[in-house]
Amino acid sequence: MTEFAHRIAVDWHRTLEQVLERARAAGPKGLVIFDLDSTVFDNLPRQARIVREYGQHKHLEALEACQPFHFTSGWDLTGALVALGLPPDEAEGHQKELKRFWGARFFTSDYCRDDIEIVGAPRYLHEVVKTKARIVYVTGRHEGMREGTVACLAKCRMVLPGEGAQLLMKPKEVQDDDAFKRTAHPLLAELGTVLAAFDNEPRHVNDYALRFTDALAVHLATDHSGRPVKLQDAVVSVPHFAY
């Protein structure tokens, strides 16, 4: 999001190169960690689909034209409705019902198939695998989304579980994302040496920086949940994976 734009250095691409250099040196014992949503996947197409379907449900023709570019401030549903032409007070009036409608769909295997890749992510993931290091996707998605997630990884030509990558997901949807990712830290330490961890959520990437002090903690300055969390000084921000 725009509040982190100032943290993106002119030579930000050098961070991506450093991760690959570390991976080549470590080989199979090395792990590179990637979050999914807003890190390697852009899920705004999923968001836009849900708003279009809500428009059909409520017979609001203006909403049926929703596209990813209508989300001008991260995941702000109300802002998207305003961008589609609804007056602010009317958009706000839909907030509670739309959020329930969204919640019943967003965290499902079917809808996550609509995601597309963050720029450069597929190529970069394959570059990591070429080094012989291993990728671990650590995501707040729950196991009920595994089928759709793997299908979307395949659609976007990303590295698949079992082909150089491992996919760690929450056992249950209700589990807190922060707590789940922290519980994954000991498992990652058992699996190998964490060389780098990529995540869009400031709290999550901060946790990686604090837990794996020798690793590169890399923040994707895309969008996030909106919680007011300051990034640790050790964290480096990048805009995407194309360089």
C-alpha atoms as a PDB file:
ATOM      1  CA  MET A   1       0.000   0.000   0.000  1.00  0.00           C
ATOM      2  CA  THR A   2       1.065   3.569  -0.571  1.00  0.00           C
ATOM      3  CA  GLU A   3       2.190   4.167   3.028  1.00  0.00           C
ATOM      4  CA  PHE A   4       5.110   1.811   2.428  1.00  0.00           C
ATOM      5  CA  ALA A   5       6.202   3.250  -0.925  1.00  0.00           C
ATOM      6  CA  HIS A   6       8.903   5.317   0.777  1.00  0.00           C
ATOM      7  CA  ARG A   7      10.568   2.127   2.026  1.00  0.00           C
ATOM      8  CA  ILE A   8      11.190   0.767  -1.478  1.00  0.00           C
ATOM      9  CA  ALA A   9      14.827   1.508  -2.268  1.00  0.00           C
ATOM     10  CA  VAL A  10      15.986   2.466  -5.751  1.00  0.00           C
ATOM     11  CA  ASP A  11      17.975  -0.779  -5.907  1.00  0.00           C
ATOM     12  CA  TRP A  12      15.202  -2.928  -4.392  1.00  0.00           C
ATOM     13  CA  HIS A  13      15.802  -5.598  -7.032  1.00  0.00           C
ATOM     14  CA  ARG A  14      19.137  -6.296  -5.338  1.00  0.00           C
ATOM     15  CA  THR A  15      17.221  -7.905  -2.454  1.00  0.00           C
ATOM     16  CA  LEU A  16      15.683 -10.442  -4.828  1.00  0.00           C
ATOM     17  CA  GLU A  17      19.125 -11.195  -6.222  1.00  0.00           C
ATOM     18  CA  GLN A  18      20.544 -11.637  -2.725  1.00  0.00           C
ATOM     19  CA  VAL A  19      17.874 -14.224  -1.913  1.00  0.00           C
ATOM     20  CA  LEU A  20      18.849 -16.226  -4.993  1.00  0.00           C
ATOM     21  CA  GLU A  21      22.537 -15.948  -4.097  1.00  0.00           C
ATOM     22  CA  ARG A  22      21.836 -17.280  -0.611  1.00  0.00           C
ATOM     23  CA  ALA A  23      19.723 -20.067  -2.073  1.00  0.00           C
ATOM     24  CA  ARG A  24      22.482 -21.155  -4.444  1.00  0.00           C
ATOM     25  CA  ALA A  25      24.946 -21.294  -1.560  1.00  0.00           C
ATOM     26  CA  ALA A  26      22.593 -23.248   0.730  1.00  0.00           C
ATOM     27  CA  GLY A  27      21.221 -25.751  -1.781  1.00  0.00           C
ATOM     28  CA  PRO A  28      18.609 -28.309  -0.623  1.00  0.00           C
ATOM     29  CA  LYS A  29      18.892 -27.409   3.052  1.00  0.00           C
ATOM     30  CA  GLY A  30      17.802 -23.842   2.310  1.00  0.00           C
ATOM     31  CA  LEU A  31      14.185 -22.678   2.616  1.00  0.00           C
ATOM     32  CA  VAL A  32      12.583 -19.624   1.032  1.00  0.00           C
ATOM     33  CA  ILE A  33       9.192 -18.799   2.537  1.00  0.00           C
ATOM     34  CA  PHE A  34       6.360 -17.163   0.609  1.00  0.00           C
ATOM     35  CA  ASP A  35       2.929 -16.058   1.721  1.00  0.00           C
ATOM     36  CA  LEU A  36       0.215 -16.354  -0.958  1.00  0.00           C
ATOM     37  CA  ASP A  37      -2.408 -13.584  -0.863  1.00  0.00           C
ATOM     38  CA  SER A  38      -1.011 -10.213  -1.968  1.00  0.00           C
ATOM     39  CA  THR A  39       2.474 -11.754  -1.990  1.00  0.00           C
ATOM     40  CA  VAL A  40       2.563 -14.114  -4.975  1.00  0.00           C
ATOM     41  CA  PHE A  41      -1.167 -13.864  -5.769  1.00  0.00           C
ATOM     42  CA  ASP A  42      -3.188 -10.761  -6.623  1.00  0.00           C
ATOM     43  CA  ASN A  43      -6.688 -11.529  -5.341  1.00  0.00           C
ATOM     44  CA  LEU A  44      -8.420  -8.367  -6.557  1.00  0.00           C
ATOM     45  CA  PRO A  45     -10.078 -10.344  -9.391  1.00  0.00           C
ATOM     46  CA  ARG A  46     -11.647 -12.496  -6.655  1.00  0.00           C
ATOM     47  CA  GLN A  47     -12.788  -9.393  -4.819  1.00  0.00           C
ATOM     48  CA  ALA A  48     -14.274  -7.902  -7.968  1.00  0.00           C
ATOM     49  CA  ARG A  49     -16.171 -11.091  -8.775  1.00  0.00           C
ATOM     50  CA  ILE A  50     -17.805 -11.038  -5.352  1.00  0.00           C
ATOM     51  CA  VAL A  51     -18.899  -7.408  -5.752  1.00  0.00           C
ATOM     52  CA  ARG A  52     -20.357  -8.200  -9.197  1.00  0.00           C
ATOM     53  CA  GLU A  53     -22.303 -11.107  -7.737  1.00  0.00           C
ATOM     54  CA  TYR A  54     -23.510  -8.928  -4.874  1.00  0.00           C
ATOM     55  CA  GLY A  55     -24.729  -6.439  -7.476  1.00  0.00           C
ATOM     56  CA  GLN A  56     -26.694  -9.188  -9.188  1.00  0.00           C
ATOM     57  CA  HIS A  57     -28.065 -10.333  -5.837  1.00  0.00           C
ATOM     58  CA  LYS A  58     -29.204  -6.810  -4.913  1.00  0.00           C
ATOM     59  CA  HIS A  59     -30.209  -5.797  -8.469  1.00  0.00           C
ATOM     60  CA  LEU A  60     -27.641  -2.994  -8.457  1.00  0.00           C
ATOM     61  CA  GLU A  61     -26.536  -2.771 -12.076  1.00  0.00           C
ATOM     62  CA  ALA A  62     -23.665  -0.380 -11.318  1.00  0.00           C
ATOM     63  CA  LEU A  63     -21.940  -3.017  -9.174  1.00  0.00           C
ATOM     64  CA  GLU A  64     -22.131  -5.627 -11.912  1.00  0.00           C
ATOM     65  CA  ALA A  65     -19.383  -3.716 -13.741  1.00  0.00           C
ATOM     66  CA  CYS A  66     -16.864  -4.142 -10.913  1.00  0.00           C
ATOM     67  CA  GLN A  67     -13.257  -4.747 -11.961  1.00  0.00           C
ATOM     68  CA  PRO A  68     -10.027  -4.958  -9.940  1.00  0.00           C
ATOM     69  CA  PHE A  69      -9.164  -1.322 -10.673  1.00  0.00           C
ATOM     70  CA  HIS A  70     -12.234  -0.185  -8.725  1.00  0.00           C
ATOM     71  CA  PHE A  71     -10.400  -1.207  -5.534  1.00  0.00           C
ATOM     72  CA  THR A  72      -8.403   1.974  -5.103  1.00  0.00           C
ATOM     73  CA  SER A  73      -7.506   1.423  -1.431  1.00  0.00           C
ATOM     74  CA  GLY A  74      -6.547  -2.177  -0.792  1.00  0.00           C
ATOM     75  CA  TRP A  75      -9.453  -4.380   0.230  1.00  0.00           C
ATOM     76  CA  ASP A  76     -11.840  -1.498   0.971  1.00  0.00           C
ATOM     77  CA  LEU A  77     -15.244  -2.774  -0.163  1.00  0.00           C
ATOM     78  CA  THR A  78     -17.038   0.491   0.579  1.00  0.00           C
ATOM     79  CA  GLY A  79     -14.474   2.415  -1.445  1.00  0.00           C
ATOM     80  CA  ALA A  80     -15.020   0.067  -4.374  1.00  0.00           C
ATOM     81  CA  LEU A  81     -18.769   0.734  -4.290  1.00  0.00           C
ATOM     82  CA  VAL A  82     -18.132   4.467  -4.319  1.00  0.00           C
ATOM     83  CA  ALA A  83     -15.725   4.043  -7.243  1.00  0.00           C
ATOM     84  CA  LEU A  84     -18.542   2.242  -9.055  1.00  0.00           C
ATOM     85  CA  GLY A  85     -20.812   5.245  -8.647  1.00  0.00           C
ATOM     86  CA  LEU A  86     -22.747   4.696  -5.415  1.00  0.00           C
ATOM     87  CA  PRO A  87     -23.057   7.739  -3.145  1.00  0.00           C
ATOM     88  CA  PRO A  88     -20.882   7.325  -0.023  1.00  0.00           C
ATOM     89  CA  ASP A  89     -23.845   7.042   2.351  1.00  0.00           C
ATOM     90  CA  GLU A  90     -25.501   4.393   0.183  1.00  0.00           C
ATOM     91  CA  ALA A  91     -22.220   2.489  -0.115  1.00  0.00           C
ATOM     92  CA  GLU A  92     -21.794   2.577   3.659  1.00  0.00           C
ATOM     93  CA  GLY A  93     -25.332   1.257   4.052  1.00  0.00           C
ATOM     94  CA  HIS A  94     -24.378  -1.896   2.167  1.00  0.00           C
ATOM     95  CA  GLN A  95     -21.257  -2.507   4.266  1.00  0.00           C
ATOM     96  CA  LYS A  96     -22.578  -5.067   6.770  1.00  0.00           C
ATOM     97  CA  GLU A  97     -24.550  -7.136   4.273  1.00  0.00           C
ATOM     98  CA  LEU A  98     -21.780  -7.006   1.673  1.00  0.00           C
ATOM     99  CA  LYS A  99     -19.181  -8.075   4.245  1.00  0.00           C
ATOM    100  CA  ARG A 100     -21.294 -11.134   5.126  1.00  0.00           C
ATOM    101  CA  PHE A 101     -21.796 -11.894   1.431  1.00  0.00           C
ATOM    102  CA  TRP A 102     -18.050 -11.487   0.869  1.00  0.00           C
ATOM    103  CA  GLY A 103     -17.109 -13.649   3.865  1.00  0.00           C
ATOM    104  CA  ALA A 104     -19.193 -16.567   2.636  1.00  0.00           C
ATOM    105  CA  ARG A 105     -17.308 -16.601  -0.655  1.00  0.00           C
ATOM    106  CA  PHE A 106     -13.830 -15.145  -0.344  1.00  0.00           C
ATOM    107  CA  PHE A 107     -12.358 -17.933   1.784  1.00  0.00           C
ATOM    108  CA  THR A 108     -13.439 -20.776  -0.506  1.00  0.00           C
ATOM    109  CA  SER A 109     -11.647 -23.068  -2.900  1.00  0.00           C
ATOM    110  CA  ASP A 110     -13.903 -22.053  -5.773  1.00  0.00           C
ATOM    111  CA  TYR A 111     -13.368 -18.307  -5.551  1.00  0.00           C
ATOM    112  CA  CYS A 112      -9.610 -18.368  -4.960  1.00  0.00           C
ATOM    113  CA  ARG A 113      -9.207 -19.878  -8.432  1.00  0.00           C
ATOM    114  CA  ASP A 114      -9.849 -16.381  -9.808  1.00  0.00           C
ATOM    115  CA  ASP A 115      -6.568 -15.008  -8.434  1.00  0.00           C
ATOM    116  CA  ILE A 116      -3.792 -13.939 -10.786  1.00  0.00           C
ATOM    117  CA  GLU A 117      -0.068 -13.653 -10.234  1.00  0.00           C
ATOM    118  CA  ILE A 118       1.775 -10.716  -8.712  1.00  0.00           C
ATOM    119  CA  VAL A 119       4.028  -9.355 -11.448  1.00  0.00           C
ATOM    120  CA  GLY A 120       7.109 -11.532 -11.876  1.00  0.00           C
ATOM    121  CA  ALA A 121       6.163 -14.078  -9.200  1.00  0.00           C
ATOM    122  CA  PRO A 122       6.004 -17.236 -11.383  1.00  0.00           C
ATOM    123  CA  ARG A 123       9.423 -16.668 -12.936  1.00  0.00           C
ATOM    124  CA  TYR A 124      10.999 -15.773  -9.603  1.00  0.00           C
ATOM    125  CA  LEU A 125       9.598 -18.862  -7.885  1.00  0.00           C
ATOM    126  CA  HIS A 126      11.076 -21.055 -10.591  1.00  0.00           C
ATOM    127  CA  GLU A 127      14.406 -19.244 -10.253  1.00  0.00           C
ATOM    128  CA  VAL A 128      14.404 -20.175  -6.565  1.00  0.00           C
ATOM    129  CA  VAL A 129      13.789 -23.845  -7.387  1.00  0.00           C
ATOM    130  CA  LYS A 130      16.652 -23.814  -9.893  1.00  0.00           C
ATOM    131  CA  THR A 131      19.021 -23.067  -7.018  1.00  0.00           C
ATOM    132  CA  LYS A 132      17.984 -26.421  -5.408  1.00  0.00           C
ATOM    133  CA  ALA A 133      16.666 -24.572  -2.351  1.00  0.00           C
ATOM    134  CA  ARG A 134      13.087 -25.379  -1.346  1.00  0.00           C
ATOM    135  CA  ILE A 135      10.017 -23.165  -1.330  1.00  0.00           C
ATOM    136  CA  VAL A 136       7.522 -23.286   1.519  1.00  0.00           C
ATOM    137  CA  TYR A 137       4.226 -21.477   1.028  1.00  0.00           C
ATOM    138  CA  VAL A 138       2.958 -20.437   4.475  1.00  0.00           C
ATOM    139  CA  THR A 139      -0.537 -19.040   4.126  1.00  0.00           C
ATOM    140  CA  GLY A 140      -3.471 -17.995   6.265  1.00  0.00           C
ATOM    141  CA  ARG A 141      -5.720 -19.897   3.865  1.00  0.00           C
ATOM    142  CA  HIS A 142      -7.349 -22.938   5.452  1.00  0.00           C
ATOM    143  CA  GLU A 143      -7.232 -26.563   4.276  1.00  0.00           C
ATOM    144  CA  GLY A 144     -10.677 -26.253   2.694  1.00  0.00           C
ATOM    145  CA  MET A 145      -9.042 -24.012   0.097  1.00  0.00           C
ATOM    146  CA  ARG A 146      -6.249 -26.414  -0.827  1.00  0.00           C
ATOM    147  CA  GLU A 147      -7.784 -27.739  -4.056  1.00  0.00           C
ATOM    148  CA  GLY A 148      -8.515 -24.277  -5.442  1.00  0.00           C
ATOM    149  CA  THR A 149      -5.145 -22.969  -4.282  1.00  0.00           C
ATOM    150  CA  VAL A 150      -3.199 -25.709  -6.047  1.00  0.00           C
ATOM    151  CA  ALA A 151      -5.342 -25.231  -9.154  1.00  0.00           C
ATOM    152  CA  CYS A 152      -4.539 -21.510  -9.138  1.00  0.00           C
ATOM    153  CA  LEU A 153      -0.828 -22.163  -8.635  1.00  0.00           C
ATOM    154  CA  ALA A 154      -0.988 -24.382 -11.714  1.00  0.00           C
ATOM    155  CA  LYS A 155      -3.007 -21.813 -13.690  1.00  0.00           C
ATOM    156  CA  CYS A 156      -0.414 -19.147 -12.927  1.00  0.00           C
ATOM    157  CA  ARG A 157       2.448 -21.558 -13.714  1.00  0.00           C
ATOM    158  CA  MET A 158       3.932 -21.277 -10.251  1.00  0.00           C
ATOM    159  CA  VAL A 159       5.928 -23.956  -8.444  1.00  0.00           C
ATOM    160  CA  LEU A 160       3.545 -26.656  -7.236  1.00  0.00           C
ATOM    161  CA  PRO A 161       3.535 -28.577  -3.951  1.00  0.00           C
ATOM    162  CA  GLY A 162       5.590 -31.724  -4.413  1.00  0.00           C
ATOM    163  CA  GLU A 163       7.567 -30.174  -7.272  1.00  0.00           C
ATOM    164  CA  GLY A 164       9.993 -28.090  -5.253  1.00  0.00           C
ATOM    165  CA  ALA A 165       7.482 -26.542  -2.883  1.00  0.00           C
ATOM    166  CA  GLN A 166       5.504 -27.378   0.239  1.00  0.00           C
ATOM    167  CA  LEU A 167       2.161 -25.793   1.160  1.00  0.00           C
ATOM    168  CA  LEU A 168       1.369 -25.096   4.828  1.00  0.00           C
ATOM    169  CA  MET A 169      -2.263 -24.077   5.481  1.00  0.00           C
ATOM    170  CA  LYS A 170      -4.397 -23.476   8.559  1.00  0.00           C
ATOM    171  CA  PRO A 171      -6.156 -26.664   9.695  1.00  0.00           C
ATOM    172  CA  LYS A 172      -9.377 -24.708  10.290  1.00  0.00           C
ATOM    173  CA  GLU A 173     -10.750 -21.461   8.893  1.00  0.00           C
ATOM    174  CA  VAL A 174     -11.483 -20.043  12.356  1.00  0.00           C
ATOM    175  CA  GLN A 175      -7.844 -20.199  13.463  1.00  0.00           C
ATOM    176  CA  ASP A 176      -6.169 -16.805  13.796  1.00  0.00           C
ATOM    177  CA  ASP A 177      -3.732 -16.065  10.950  1.00  0.00           C
ATOM    178  CA  ASP A 178      -1.125 -14.460  13.220  1.00  0.00           C
ATOM    179  CA  ALA A 179      -1.145 -17.397  15.637  1.00  0.00           C
ATOM    180  CA  PHE A 180      -0.984 -19.970  12.838  1.00  0.00           C
ATOM    181  CA  LYS A 181       2.025 -18.380  11.177  1.00  0.00           C
ATOM    182  CA  ARG A 182       3.856 -18.175  14.478  1.00  0.00           C
ATOM    183  CA  THR A 183       3.182 -21.855  15.171  1.00  0.00           C
ATOM    184  CA  ALA A 184       4.691 -22.603  11.757  1.00  0.00           C
ATOM    185  CA  HIS A 185       8.047 -21.112  12.767  1.00  0.00           C
ATOM    186  CA  PRO A 186       9.313 -24.168  14.717  1.00  0.00           C
ATOM    187  CA  LEU A 187       8.285 -26.464  11.859  1.00  0.00           C
ATOM    188  CA  LEU A 188      10.188 -24.311   9.371  1.00  0.00           C
ATOM    189  CA  ALA A 189      13.264 -24.482  11.597  1.00  0.00           C
ATOM    190  CA  GLU A 190      12.991 -28.289  11.575  1.00  0.00           C
ATOM    191  CA  LEU A 191      12.580 -28.430   7.793  1.00  0.00           C
ATOM    192  CA  GLY A 192      15.778 -26.553   7.014  1.00  0.00           C
ATOM    193  CA  THR A 193      17.509 -23.182   7.143  1.00  0.00           C
ATOM    194  CA  VAL A 194      15.225 -20.235   6.496  1.00  0.00           C
ATOM    195  CA  LEU A 195      17.073 -17.973   4.068  1.00  0.00           C
ATOM    196  CA  ALA A 196      14.321 -15.474   3.339  1.00  0.00           C
ATOM    197  CA  ALA A 197      10.637 -14.922   4.016  1.00  0.00           C
ATOM    198  CA  PHE A 198       8.263 -12.894   1.839  1.00  0.00           C
ATOM    199  CA  ASP A 199       4.949 -11.575   3.180  1.00  0.00           C
ATOM    200  CA  ASN A 200       2.692  -8.570   2.561  1.00  0.00           C
ATOM    201  CA  GLU A 201       1.387  -8.359   6.132  1.00  0.00           C
ATOM    202  CA  PRO A 202       3.629  -6.120   8.283  1.00  0.00           C
ATOM    203  CA  ARG A 203       2.954  -8.155  11.420  1.00  0.00           C
ATOM    204  CA  HIS A 204       3.841 -11.434   9.736  1.00  0.00           C
ATOM    205  CA  VAL A 205       7.024 -10.229   8.082  1.00  0.00           C
ATOM    206  CA  ASN A 206       8.048  -8.595  11.378  1.00  0.00           C
ATOM    207  CA  ASP A 207       7.601 -11.965  13.099  1.00  0.00           C
ATOM    208  CA  TYR A 208       9.883 -13.601  10.537  1.00  0.00           C
ATOM    209  CA  ALA A 209      12.503 -10.895  11.085  1.00  0.00           C
ATOM    210  CA  LEU A 210      12.419 -11.430  14.839  1.00  0.00           C
ATOM    211  CA  ARG A 211      12.379 -15.251  14.714  1.00  0.00           C
ATOM    212  CA  PHE A 212      14.866 -15.856  11.883  1.00  0.00           C
ATOM    213  CA  THR A 213      17.436 -13.159  12.478  1.00  0.00           C
ATOM    214  CA  ASP A 214      19.888 -14.455   9.856  1.00  0.00           C
ATOM    215  CA  ALA A 215      17.236 -14.533   7.123  1.00  0.00           C
ATOM    216  CA  LEU A 216      16.136 -11.749   4.786  1.00  0.00           C
ATOM    217  CA  ALA A 217      12.649 -10.572   5.794  1.00  0.00           C
ATOM    218  CA  VAL A 218      11.039  -9.136   2.667  1.00  0.00           C
ATOM    219  CA  HIS A 219       7.820  -7.145   2.664  1.00  0.00           C
ATOM    220  CA  LEU A 220       5.642  -7.012  -0.460  1.00  0.00           C
ATOM    221  CA  ALA A 221       4.377  -3.425  -0.629  1.00  0.00           C
ATOM    222  CA  THR A 222       1.125  -4.419  -2.310  1.00  0.00           C
ATOM    223  CA  ASP A 223      -1.854  -4.280   0.059  1.00  0.00           C
ATOM    224  CA  HIS A 224      -2.610  -5.655   3.497  1.00  0.00           C
ATOM    225  CA  SER A 225      -5.280  -5.944   6.188  1.00  0.00           C
ATOM    226  CA  GLY A 226      -4.902  -2.303   7.183  1.00  0.00           C
ATOM    227  CA  ARG A 227      -3.753  -2.853  10.757  1.00  0.00           C
ATOM    228  CA  PRO A 228      -1.458  -0.018  11.907  1.00  0.00           C
ATOM    229  CA  VAL A 229       1.752  -2.002  12.286  1.00  0.00           C
ATOM    230  CA  LYS A 230       5.177  -0.436  11.775  1.00  0.00           C
ATOM    231  CA  LEU A 231       7.712  -2.497   9.874  1.00  0.00           C
ATOM    232  CA  GLN A 232      10.867  -3.554  11.700  1.00  0.00           C
ATOM    233  CA  ASP A 233      14.024  -1.768  10.546  1.00  0.00           C
ATOM    234  CA  ALA A 234      15.466  -5.084   9.371  1.00  0.00           C
ATOM    235  CA  VAL A 235      12.599  -5.616   6.921  1.00  0.00           C
ATOM    236  CA  VAL A 236      13.137  -4.675   3.276  1.00  0.00           C
ATOM    237  CA  SER A 237      10.209  -3.696   1.032  1.00  0.00           C
ATOM    238  CA  VAL A 238       9.835  -4.594  -2.656  1.00  0.00           C
ATOM    239  CA  PRO A 239       6.969  -3.734  -5.033  1.00  0.00           C
ATOM    240  CA  HIS A 240       6.811  -7.045  -6.938  1.00  0.00           C
ATOM    241  CA  PHE A 241       9.096  -9.733  -8.402  1.00  0.00           C
ATOM    242  CA  ALA A 242       9.848  -8.376 -11.879  1.00  0.00           C
ATOM    243  CA  TYR A 243      13.347  -6.982 -12.245  1.00  0.00           C
END
